[in-house]
């Protein structure tokens, strides 16, 4: 619609301007007439070039719209938990270690200072300060690309501060809000450890079994299997009065 209106109108304006600016050739000597025709041809070539530029501009205006529509049709559905596990195994995604974090997000985001400050405080065993930093980050940027990492680090900070119940709560929130996060394997390990530190062996066993089932190549999968082997395979029995 835009192209159909702009191009004819621009052509009309250019041709009209060019015709008005032309001086009619009447009874001119041969060499003068040749110069006039050369001038006319040069103007026509210039006008054709301007028309091509206008056509290209209209195509550029229309192109992003069609491209976005095509991309929208090509967006696949989100993967399941099992598919996410397969992605980790097949691509051998490196999980963050306990003592380092790589910077892969845009540092221009103003709230990132809360995240990296929390990582630094956690490495320095200033757990209360780290908790506050990660909470401030999540309060301001729960949709940020680093939000799942911040949620994991918050849970880890509670665990390191020996607040195991709060650590389990925050890991549950990580699983709920960011089910496809690559932080899930480490989070499940901490969740199982939190349950065991709380004396809840059967929930710990269930989480360790999930680690082995979903992430068999996770670096701590063998440890998870060994720890679960020594735990009760059934929950506490409820006694009923006769």
Protein backbone atom coordinates (compact mmCIF):
# COMPACT_ATOMS: atom_id res chain seq x y z
CA UNK A 1 0.00 0.00 0.00
CA UNK A 2 2.75 2.48 0.95
CA UNK A 3 4.92 1.50 -2.01
CA UNK A 4 2.02 1.86 -4.48
CA UNK A 5 1.46 5.47 -3.37
CA UNK A 6 5.01 6.73 -2.79
CA UNK A 7 6.69 5.62 -6.00
CA UNK A 8 4.19 7.08 -8.56
CA UNK A 9 4.01 10.35 -6.60
CA UNK A 10 7.81 10.63 -6.35
CA UNK A 11 8.19 9.86 -10.07
CA UNK A 12 5.63 12.53 -10.93
CA UNK A 13 7.39 15.16 -8.80
CA UNK A 14 10.83 14.32 -10.17
CA UNK A 15 9.72 14.35 -13.81
CA UNK A 16 7.73 17.54 -13.32
CA UNK A 17 10.73 19.26 -11.71
CA UNK A 18 13.05 18.06 -14.43
CA UNK A 19 10.72 19.19 -17.21
CA UNK A 20 10.29 22.64 -15.70
CA UNK A 21 14.05 23.04 -15.40
CA UNK A 22 14.69 22.08 -19.03
CA UNK A 23 15.25 24.79 -21.63
CA UNK A 24 13.56 23.97 -24.98
CA UNK A 25 15.91 23.49 -27.87
CA UNK A 26 14.78 25.72 -30.76
CA UNK A 27 16.88 26.40 -33.84
CA UNK A 28 20.13 25.83 -31.98
CA UNK A 29 23.37 25.04 -33.81
CA UNK A 30 24.32 21.35 -33.96
CA UNK A 31 26.92 21.39 -31.21
CA UNK A 32 24.63 23.37 -28.88
CA UNK A 33 21.80 20.92 -29.47
CA UNK A 34 24.11 18.02 -28.68
CA UNK A 35 25.10 19.63 -25.40
CA UNK A 36 21.42 20.11 -24.51
CA UNK A 37 20.63 16.45 -25.19
CA UNK A 38 23.61 15.37 -23.13
CA UNK A 39 22.33 17.54 -20.27
CA UNK A 40 18.84 16.07 -20.64
CA UNK A 41 20.22 12.51 -20.56
CA UNK A 42 22.27 13.28 -17.46
CA UNK A 43 19.16 14.63 -15.71
CA UNK A 44 17.15 11.57 -16.69
CA UNK A 45 19.87 9.28 -15.35
CA UNK A 46 19.92 11.24 -12.10
CA UNK A 47 16.12 10.99 -11.82
CA UNK A 48 16.23 7.24 -12.43
CA UNK A 49 18.84 6.92 -9.70
CA UNK A 50 16.64 8.85 -7.27
CA UNK A 51 13.66 6.66 -8.16
CA UNK A 52 15.72 3.53 -7.41
CA UNK A 53 16.73 4.99 -4.05
CA UNK A 54 13.06 5.68 -3.22
CA UNK A 55 12.10 2.14 -4.24
CA UNK A 56 14.85 0.70 -2.05
CA UNK A 57 13.71 2.86 0.89
CA UNK A 58 10.12 1.60 0.55
CA UNK A 59 11.34 -2.01 0.42
CA UNK A 60 13.40 -1.45 3.59
CA UNK A 61 10.32 -0.05 5.34
CA UNK A 62 8.23 -3.05 4.35
CA UNK A 63 10.86 -5.75 4.91
CA UNK A 64 11.05 -5.82 8.75
CA UNK A 65 7.28 -6.31 9.00
CA UNK A 66 7.25 -9.39 6.80
CA UNK A 67 10.41 -10.72 8.45
CA UNK A 68 8.92 -10.43 11.94
CA UNK A 69 5.76 -12.22 10.79
CA UNK A 70 7.86 -15.04 9.34
CA UNK A 71 9.97 -15.31 12.50
CA UNK A 72 6.83 -15.41 14.65
CA UNK A 73 5.59 -18.42 12.69
CA UNK A 74 8.93 -20.18 13.15
CA UNK A 75 9.20 -19.85 16.97
CA UNK A 76 9.19 -23.39 18.42
CA UNK A 77 7.38 -24.32 21.65
CA UNK A 78 9.49 -24.35 24.84
CA UNK A 79 11.25 -27.66 25.60
CA UNK A 80 10.14 -29.99 28.36
CA UNK A 81 12.26 -30.75 31.45
CA UNK A 82 13.46 -33.99 29.81
CA UNK A 83 14.38 -32.13 26.61
CA UNK A 84 16.28 -29.56 28.65
CA UNK A 85 18.18 -32.39 30.32
CA UNK A 86 19.05 -33.82 26.90
CA UNK A 87 20.31 -30.40 25.79
CA UNK A 88 22.64 -30.27 28.78
CA UNK A 89 23.94 -33.77 28.11
CA UNK A 90 24.36 -33.53 24.33
CA UNK A 91 25.90 -30.07 24.25
CA UNK A 92 27.92 -30.57 27.45
CA UNK A 93 26.89 -27.19 28.80
CA UNK A 94 29.38 -25.98 31.40
CA UNK A 95 27.69 -25.29 34.69
CA UNK A 96 29.02 -22.43 36.85
CA UNK A 97 31.53 -23.50 39.49
CA UNK A 98 31.36 -22.51 43.13
CA UNK A 99 34.10 -19.89 42.89
CA UNK A 100 33.68 -18.19 39.53
CA UNK A 101 31.12 -16.57 37.25
CA UNK A 102 31.60 -15.69 33.60
CA UNK A 103 30.25 -12.37 32.33
CA UNK A 104 27.98 -13.14 29.37
CA UNK A 105 25.22 -10.56 29.78
CA UNK A 106 25.22 -6.96 28.65
CA UNK A 107 27.07 -5.01 31.36
CA UNK A 108 25.15 -1.86 30.42
CA UNK A 109 22.18 -3.12 32.43
CA UNK A 110 22.30 -0.95 35.51
CA UNK A 111 21.01 -3.61 37.88
CA UNK A 112 23.84 -6.02 37.08
CA UNK A 113 26.00 -4.43 39.77
CA UNK A 114 23.70 -6.05 42.36
CA UNK A 115 24.33 -9.47 40.86
CA UNK A 116 28.11 -9.25 40.62
CA UNK A 117 28.31 -7.60 44.02
CA UNK A 118 26.39 -10.55 45.44
CA UNK A 119 28.71 -13.05 43.73
CA UNK A 120 31.69 -11.25 45.24
CA UNK A 121 30.13 -11.16 48.72
CA UNK A 122 29.23 -14.85 48.49
CA UNK A 123 32.81 -15.75 47.57
CA UNK A 124 33.98 -13.73 50.58
CA UNK A 125 31.52 -15.61 52.85
CA UNK A 126 29.54 -12.44 53.59
CA UNK A 127 26.30 -14.34 53.30
CA UNK A 128 23.93 -11.76 54.77
CA UNK A 129 25.21 -9.09 52.37
CA UNK A 130 25.03 -11.52 49.45
CA UNK A 131 21.40 -12.32 50.29
CA UNK A 132 20.53 -8.64 50.22
CA UNK A 133 22.31 -8.07 46.89
CA UNK A 134 20.57 -10.94 45.13
CA UNK A 135 17.20 -9.91 46.58
CA UNK A 136 17.71 -6.36 45.28
CA UNK A 137 18.61 -7.70 41.85
CA UNK A 138 15.53 -9.94 41.65
CA UNK A 139 13.30 -7.16 42.93
CA UNK A 140 14.40 -4.91 40.05
CA UNK A 141 14.95 -7.43 37.26
CA UNK A 142 13.06 -10.70 37.51
CA UNK A 143 12.79 -10.72 33.70
CA UNK A 144 16.54 -10.08 33.27
CA UNK A 145 18.61 -12.75 31.43
CA UNK A 146 20.53 -13.31 34.68
CA UNK A 147 17.40 -13.72 36.82
CA UNK A 148 17.65 -17.51 37.03
CA UNK A 149 21.30 -17.26 38.08
CA UNK A 150 20.44 -14.70 40.72
CA UNK A 151 17.64 -16.96 42.01
CA UNK A 152 20.09 -19.85 42.24
CA UNK A 153 22.72 -17.75 44.00
CA UNK A 154 20.09 -16.57 46.47
CA UNK A 155 19.26 -20.19 47.32
CA UNK A 156 22.96 -21.02 47.55
CA UNK A 157 23.53 -18.07 49.90
CA UNK A 158 20.81 -19.35 52.23
CA UNK A 159 22.39 -22.82 52.12
CA UNK A 160 25.86 -21.50 52.91
CA UNK A 161 24.33 -19.49 55.76
CA UNK A 162 22.84 -22.76 57.08
CA UNK A 163 19.28 -21.59 56.51
CA UNK A 164 18.34 -24.84 54.81
CA UNK A 165 14.56 -24.47 54.81
CA UNK A 166 14.85 -21.08 53.11
CA UNK A 167 17.27 -22.57 50.61
CA UNK A 168 14.71 -25.25 49.68
CA UNK A 169 12.03 -22.56 49.34
CA UNK A 170 14.13 -20.51 46.92
CA UNK A 171 15.08 -23.57 44.85
CA UNK A 172 11.40 -24.46 44.58
CA UNK A 173 10.85 -20.96 43.25
CA UNK A 174 13.70 -21.41 40.76
CA UNK A 175 12.07 -24.61 39.47
CA UNK A 176 8.70 -22.89 39.25
CA UNK A 177 9.75 -19.60 37.64
CA UNK A 178 12.68 -20.85 35.54
CA UNK A 179 11.99 -24.53 34.75
CA UNK A 180 14.32 -24.53 31.72
CA UNK A 181 17.29 -22.93 33.46
CA UNK A 182 20.67 -24.60 33.14
CA UNK A 183 21.12 -23.91 36.86
CA UNK A 184 18.65 -26.70 37.71
CA UNK A 185 21.21 -29.54 38.21
CA UNK A 186 23.27 -27.58 40.74
CA UNK A 187 20.07 -26.35 42.37
CA UNK A 188 18.76 -29.90 42.84
CA UNK A 189 22.05 -30.95 44.43
CA UNK A 190 21.79 -28.11 46.96
CA UNK A 191 18.12 -28.90 47.53
CA UNK A 192 18.91 -32.54 48.36
CA UNK A 193 21.74 -31.47 50.67
CA UNK A 194 19.39 -29.02 52.40
CA UNK A 195 16.83 -31.77 53.04
CA UNK A 196 19.52 -34.06 54.46
CA UNK A 197 20.83 -31.31 56.73
CA UNK A 198 17.27 -30.85 57.98
CA UNK A 199 17.10 -34.57 58.78
CA UNK A 200 14.53 -35.21 56.04
CA UNK A 201 16.16 -38.23 54.41
CA UNK A 202 13.32 -39.44 52.20
CA UNK A 203 12.77 -36.06 50.43
CA UNK A 204 16.54 -35.88 50.02
CA UNK A 205 16.53 -39.36 48.46
CA UNK A 206 13.80 -38.33 45.99
CA UNK A 207 15.72 -35.25 44.86
CA UNK A 208 18.98 -37.18 44.46
CA UNK A 209 17.18 -39.79 42.39
CA UNK A 210 15.83 -36.99 40.18
CA UNK A 211 19.36 -35.67 39.67
CA UNK A 212 20.57 -39.10 38.51
CA UNK A 213 17.54 -39.66 36.27
CA UNK A 214 17.47 -36.28 34.55
CA UNK A 215 21.17 -35.42 34.47
CA UNK A 216 23.22 -38.66 34.30
CA UNK A 217 26.31 -36.80 33.04
CA UNK A 218 26.13 -34.08 35.64
CA UNK A 219 29.54 -33.97 37.40
CA UNK A 220 27.95 -34.89 40.73
CA UNK A 221 25.59 -37.55 39.35
CA UNK A 222 27.76 -40.42 40.67
CA UNK A 223 27.91 -38.79 44.09
CA UNK A 224 24.12 -38.37 43.98
CA UNK A 225 23.69 -42.07 43.18
CA UNK A 226 26.06 -43.09 46.00
CA UNK A 227 24.35 -40.86 48.56
CA UNK A 228 20.86 -41.99 47.57
CA UNK A 229 21.87 -45.65 47.89
CA UNK A 230 22.35 -45.22 51.64
CA UNK A 231 19.02 -43.44 52.18
CA UNK A 232 15.60 -44.98 52.91
CA UNK A 233 13.66 -45.84 49.76
CA UNK A 234 10.29 -45.28 51.40
CA UNK A 235 8.76 -42.46 53.41
CA UNK A 236 7.76 -42.72 57.09
CA UNK A 237 4.86 -45.03 57.73
CA UNK A 238 1.72 -43.58 59.28
CA UNK A 239 0.31 -45.72 62.10
CA UNK A 240 -3.47 -45.95 62.27
CA UNK A 241 -5.37 -46.87 65.41
CA UNK A 242 -7.48 -49.97 65.26
